Amino acid sequence: MHPKAKEVEKMLMNAKRVKEIIAELRVCWRVVHRQRRRIGMKLIWATDEERWAIADKRGIDRRSVS
């Protein structure tokens, strides 16, 4: 398991974008992809309204997903 796997998982659950995770944690996109697959998340293309609905369902702030 990658040393930053838990941090990547936490950012994924907070609906951060892959580019943000890569830039902030300085990890390869493969690490993010593996973690997303491990926790059962699927990559989808979503509009802002859909992102807000997902954020509301997860109970996180809408500003973090826009």
C-alpha atoms as a PDB file:
ATOM      1  CA  MET A   1       0.000   0.000   0.000  1.00  0.00           C
ATOM      2  CA  HIS A   2       1.220   3.469  -0.885  1.00  0.00           C
ATOM      3  CA  PRO A   3       2.411   5.613   2.055  1.00  0.00           C
ATOM      4  CA  LYS A   4      -0.107   8.351   1.193  1.00  0.00           C
ATOM      5  CA  ALA A   5      -3.018   5.993   0.479  1.00  0.00           C
ATOM      6  CA  LYS A   6      -5.067   7.080   3.502  1.00  0.00           C
ATOM      7  CA  GLU A   7      -4.636  10.750   2.607  1.00  0.00           C
ATOM      8  CA  VAL A   8      -5.700  10.061  -0.991  1.00  0.00           C
ATOM      9  CA  GLU A   9      -8.746   8.146   0.246  1.00  0.00           C
ATOM     10  CA  LYS A  10      -9.719  10.998   2.578  1.00  0.00           C
ATOM     11  CA  MET A  11      -9.477  13.541  -0.256  1.00  0.00           C
ATOM     12  CA  LEU A  12     -11.515  11.308  -2.565  1.00  0.00           C
ATOM     13  CA  MET A  13     -14.239  11.013   0.041  1.00  0.00           C
ATOM     14  CA  ASN A  14     -14.251  14.804   0.342  1.00  0.00           C
ATOM     15  CA  ALA A  15     -14.934  14.985  -3.426  1.00  0.00           C
ATOM     16  CA  LYS A  16     -11.613  16.516  -4.387  1.00  0.00           C
ATOM     17  CA  ARG A  17     -10.700  16.345  -8.054  1.00  0.00           C
ATOM     18  CA  VAL A  18      -7.897  14.074  -9.217  1.00  0.00           C
ATOM     19  CA  LYS A  19      -5.782  17.034 -10.355  1.00  0.00           C
ATOM     20  CA  GLU A  20      -6.081  18.619  -6.913  1.00  0.00           C
ATOM     21  CA  ILE A  21      -5.045  15.399  -5.180  1.00  0.00           C
ATOM     22  CA  ILE A  22      -2.064  14.938  -7.476  1.00  0.00           C
ATOM     23  CA  ALA A  23      -0.917  18.535  -7.002  1.00  0.00           C
ATOM     24  CA  GLU A  24      -1.409  18.661  -3.245  1.00  0.00           C
ATOM     25  CA  LEU A  25      -0.005  15.240  -2.310  1.00  0.00           C
ATOM     26  CA  ARG A  26       2.481  14.939  -5.190  1.00  0.00           C
ATOM     27  CA  VAL A  27       1.446  11.416  -6.113  1.00  0.00           C
ATOM     28  CA  CYS A  28       1.061   9.718  -9.474  1.00  0.00           C
ATOM     29  CA  TRP A  29      -2.417   9.439 -11.019  1.00  0.00           C
ATOM     30  CA  ARG A  30      -2.099   5.663 -10.711  1.00  0.00           C
ATOM     31  CA  VAL A  31      -2.108   5.954  -6.907  1.00  0.00           C
ATOM     32  CA  VAL A  32      -5.355   7.920  -7.041  1.00  0.00           C
ATOM     33  CA  HIS A  33      -6.883   5.463  -9.513  1.00  0.00           C
ATOM     34  CA  ARG A  34      -5.961   2.462  -7.329  1.00  0.00           C
ATOM     35  CA  GLN A  35      -7.458   4.040  -4.230  1.00  0.00           C
ATOM     36  CA  ARG A  36     -10.635   5.011  -6.080  1.00  0.00           C
ATOM     37  CA  ARG A  37     -11.005   1.464  -7.371  1.00  0.00           C
ATOM     38  CA  ARG A  38     -10.201  -0.037  -3.943  1.00  0.00           C
ATOM     39  CA  ILE A  39     -12.980   1.871  -2.186  1.00  0.00           C
ATOM     40  CA  GLY A  40     -15.450   1.207  -4.997  1.00  0.00           C
ATOM     41  CA  MET A  41     -15.766   4.684  -6.489  1.00  0.00           C
ATOM     42  CA  LYS A  42     -16.446   5.159 -10.175  1.00  0.00           C
ATOM     43  CA  LEU A  43     -15.158   7.999 -12.319  1.00  0.00           C
ATOM     44  CA  ILE A  44     -18.089   9.943 -13.722  1.00  0.00           C
ATOM     45  CA  TRP A  45     -18.450  13.163 -15.634  1.00  0.00           C
ATOM     46  CA  ALA A  46     -20.783  15.392 -13.652  1.00  0.00           C
ATOM     47  CA  THR A  47     -22.213  18.863 -14.001  1.00  0.00           C
ATOM     48  CA  ASP A  48     -21.873  21.339 -11.154  1.00  0.00           C
ATOM     49  CA  GLU A  49     -25.445  20.638 -10.070  1.00  0.00           C
ATOM     50  CA  GLU A  50     -24.706  16.912  -9.904  1.00  0.00           C
ATOM     51  CA  ARG A  51     -21.510  17.569  -7.932  1.00  0.00           C
ATOM     52  CA  TRP A  52     -23.500  19.679  -5.454  1.00  0.00           C
ATOM     53  CA  ALA A  53     -26.065  16.907  -5.057  1.00  0.00           C
ATOM     54  CA  ILE A  54     -23.274  14.425  -4.322  1.00  0.00           C
ATOM     55  CA  ALA A  55     -21.723  16.858  -1.815  1.00  0.00           C
ATOM     56  CA  ASP A  56     -25.095  17.309  -0.094  1.00  0.00           C
ATOM     57  CA  LYS A  57     -25.536  13.551   0.130  1.00  0.00           C
ATOM     58  CA  ARG A  58     -22.059  13.121   1.660  1.00  0.00           C
ATOM     59  CA  GLY A  59     -22.588  16.029   4.006  1.00  0.00           C
ATOM     60  CA  ILE A  60     -19.658  18.139   2.786  1.00  0.00           C
ATOM     61  CA  ASP A  61     -19.517  21.805   1.858  1.00  0.00           C
ATOM     62  CA  ARG A  62     -20.552  22.613  -1.726  1.00  0.00           C
ATOM     63  CA  ARG A  63     -17.660  25.076  -2.088  1.00  0.00           C
ATOM     64  CA  SER A  64     -15.168  22.219  -1.908  1.00  0.00           C
ATOM     65  CA  VAL A  65     -16.547  20.555  -5.039  1.00  0.00           C
ATOM     66  CA  SER A  66     -17.136  23.511  -7.382  1.00  0.00           C
END
